[in-house]
Amino acid sequence: MNKPAAKSVYERILNDIDEGKIDTQKDILAVKRRYFTNAYKSTIENLSSTWFVNEDQLHLSAIQYVPGSDTIPNIGAILDSKHFDKYKEVNPDAKPLKYGPQTKREWLQVLNEEIVPYGDELR
């Protein structure tokens, strides 16, 4: 497996089994689905809170994204939902003209390196 994000979720599952946090009698597919769904949602929540953009717009973009594509679905709505003033409070050196491209670049990276692998594991 050459997907570090997915690998870390599997490691978390195995560690939680070893630590007794997961009942070994539970359906492993249900456990897998719960962990990967939580990782998927958590990744989107983290990006939303880091860049101060609407979480629902990120979810919509993730659902529509074609793996490997350079085109990000719904990017206009994501950037329209931004709260640059809140972002600037946390990042005082932030520049408005760089904010949009940086957000877009990071979202594309998160889509390819985390969201797509989580989605693949959920299929």
Protein backbone atom coordinates (compact mmCIF):
# COMPACT_ATOMS: atom_id res chain seq x y z
CA MET A 1 0.00 0.00 0.00
CA ASN A 2 1.53 3.27 -1.12
CA LYS A 3 -1.07 5.56 0.44
CA PRO A 4 0.33 7.02 3.67
CA ALA A 5 -3.02 8.50 4.75
CA ALA A 6 -4.83 5.17 4.40
CA LYS A 7 -1.95 3.32 6.02
CA SER A 8 -2.13 5.57 9.10
CA VAL A 9 -5.86 4.81 9.48
CA TYR A 10 -5.17 1.07 9.30
CA GLU A 11 -2.43 1.50 11.91
CA ARG A 12 -4.90 3.37 14.14
CA ILE A 13 -7.41 0.52 13.76
CA LEU A 14 -4.80 -2.10 14.65
CA ASN A 15 -3.53 -0.07 17.62
CA ASP A 16 -7.07 0.38 18.91
CA ILE A 17 -7.68 -3.36 18.59
CA ASP A 18 -4.47 -4.04 20.52
CA GLU A 19 -5.47 -1.54 23.21
CA GLY A 20 -8.93 -3.07 23.56
CA LYS A 21 -10.74 0.03 22.27
CA ILE A 22 -12.42 -2.03 19.55
CA ASP A 23 -14.49 -5.08 20.38
CA THR A 24 -12.90 -7.96 18.46
CA GLN A 25 -16.37 -9.44 17.94
CA LYS A 26 -17.50 -6.44 15.88
CA ASP A 27 -17.75 -6.64 12.11
CA ILE A 28 -14.35 -5.50 10.83
CA LEU A 29 -15.89 -3.92 7.72
CA ALA A 30 -18.10 -1.74 9.93
CA VAL A 31 -15.04 -0.77 11.98
CA LYS A 32 -13.10 0.05 8.81
CA ARG A 33 -15.99 2.14 7.45
CA ARG A 34 -16.28 4.08 10.73
CA TYR A 35 -12.56 4.86 10.92
CA PHE A 36 -12.23 5.90 7.28
CA THR A 37 -15.42 7.97 7.39
CA ASN A 38 -14.14 9.76 10.49
CA ALA A 39 -10.74 10.38 8.84
CA TYR A 40 -12.47 11.73 5.71
CA LYS A 41 -14.70 14.09 7.70
CA SER A 42 -11.90 15.15 10.03
CA THR A 43 -9.63 16.04 7.12
CA ILE A 44 -12.28 18.30 5.62
CA GLU A 45 -13.06 19.88 9.01
CA ASN A 46 -9.36 20.60 9.55
CA LEU A 47 -8.91 22.25 6.16
CA SER A 48 -12.08 24.27 6.69
CA SER A 49 -10.89 25.55 10.05
CA THR A 50 -7.33 26.19 8.82
CA TRP A 51 -8.35 28.24 5.78
CA PHE A 52 -11.68 29.56 7.12
CA VAL A 53 -13.79 28.27 4.24
CA ASN A 54 -17.19 26.59 4.29
CA GLU A 55 -17.05 22.90 5.17
CA ASP A 56 -20.13 22.03 3.07
CA GLN A 57 -18.49 23.53 -0.02
CA LEU A 58 -15.41 21.34 0.59
CA HIS A 59 -17.61 18.24 0.91
CA LEU A 60 -19.35 19.08 -2.35
CA SER A 61 -15.99 19.56 -4.06
CA ALA A 62 -14.66 16.26 -2.68
CA ILE A 63 -17.68 14.33 -3.96
CA GLN A 64 -17.29 15.77 -7.47
CA TYR A 65 -13.50 15.54 -7.71
CA VAL A 66 -12.00 13.26 -10.37
CA PRO A 67 -8.77 11.72 -9.00
CA GLY A 68 -5.62 13.06 -10.62
CA SER A 69 -7.40 16.03 -12.17
CA ASP A 70 -5.96 19.54 -11.94
CA THR A 71 -9.48 20.95 -12.01
CA ILE A 72 -11.07 21.42 -8.61
CA PRO A 73 -14.86 21.24 -8.66
CA ASN A 74 -16.67 23.98 -6.78
CA ILE A 75 -13.48 25.98 -6.18
CA GLY A 76 -15.31 29.23 -6.89
CA ALA A 77 -17.88 28.57 -4.16
CA ILE A 78 -15.12 27.45 -1.77
CA LEU A 79 -13.20 30.69 -2.27
CA ASP A 80 -16.41 32.73 -2.13
CA SER A 81 -17.09 31.22 1.31
CA LYS A 82 -13.76 32.39 2.72
CA HIS A 83 -13.40 34.54 5.81
CA PHE A 84 -10.06 36.15 5.09
CA ASP A 85 -10.42 38.52 8.03
CA LYS A 86 -10.52 35.54 10.45
CA TYR A 87 -7.64 33.87 8.61
CA LYS A 88 -5.63 37.10 8.90
CA GLU A 89 -6.22 37.21 12.67
CA VAL A 90 -4.49 33.83 12.99
CA ASN A 91 -1.93 34.52 10.23
CA PRO A 92 -1.06 38.24 10.49
CA ASP A 93 1.41 38.14 7.58
CA ALA A 94 -1.18 36.70 5.16
CA LYS A 95 -1.64 38.51 1.85
CA PRO A 96 -5.10 38.60 0.24
CA LEU A 97 -3.73 37.96 -3.26
CA LYS A 98 -1.88 34.83 -2.13
CA TYR A 99 -4.67 33.44 0.03
CA GLY A 100 -6.83 32.08 -2.81
CA PRO A 101 -4.03 30.31 -4.72
CA GLN A 102 -2.59 28.87 -1.49
CA THR A 103 -6.00 27.57 -0.44
CA LYS A 104 -6.54 26.04 -3.86
CA ARG A 105 -3.08 24.40 -3.88
CA GLU A 106 -3.51 22.90 -0.43
CA TRP A 107 -7.04 21.65 -1.18
CA LEU A 108 -5.81 19.93 -4.36
CA GLN A 109 -3.00 18.29 -2.38
CA VAL A 110 -5.42 17.17 0.37
CA LEU A 111 -7.81 15.80 -2.25
CA ASN A 112 -5.11 13.70 -3.91
CA GLU A 113 -3.18 12.59 -0.83
CA GLU A 114 -5.97 12.08 1.71
CA ILE A 115 -9.55 12.40 0.45
CA VAL A 116 -9.15 10.15 -2.61
CA PRO A 117 -7.35 7.36 -0.68
CA TYR A 118 -10.00 7.48 2.09
CA GLY A 119 -12.73 7.33 -0.55
CA ASP A 120 -11.01 4.38 -2.24
CA GLU A 121 -10.96 2.50 1.06
CA LEU A 122 -14.65 3.24 1.62
CA ARG A 123 -15.65 1.60 -1.67
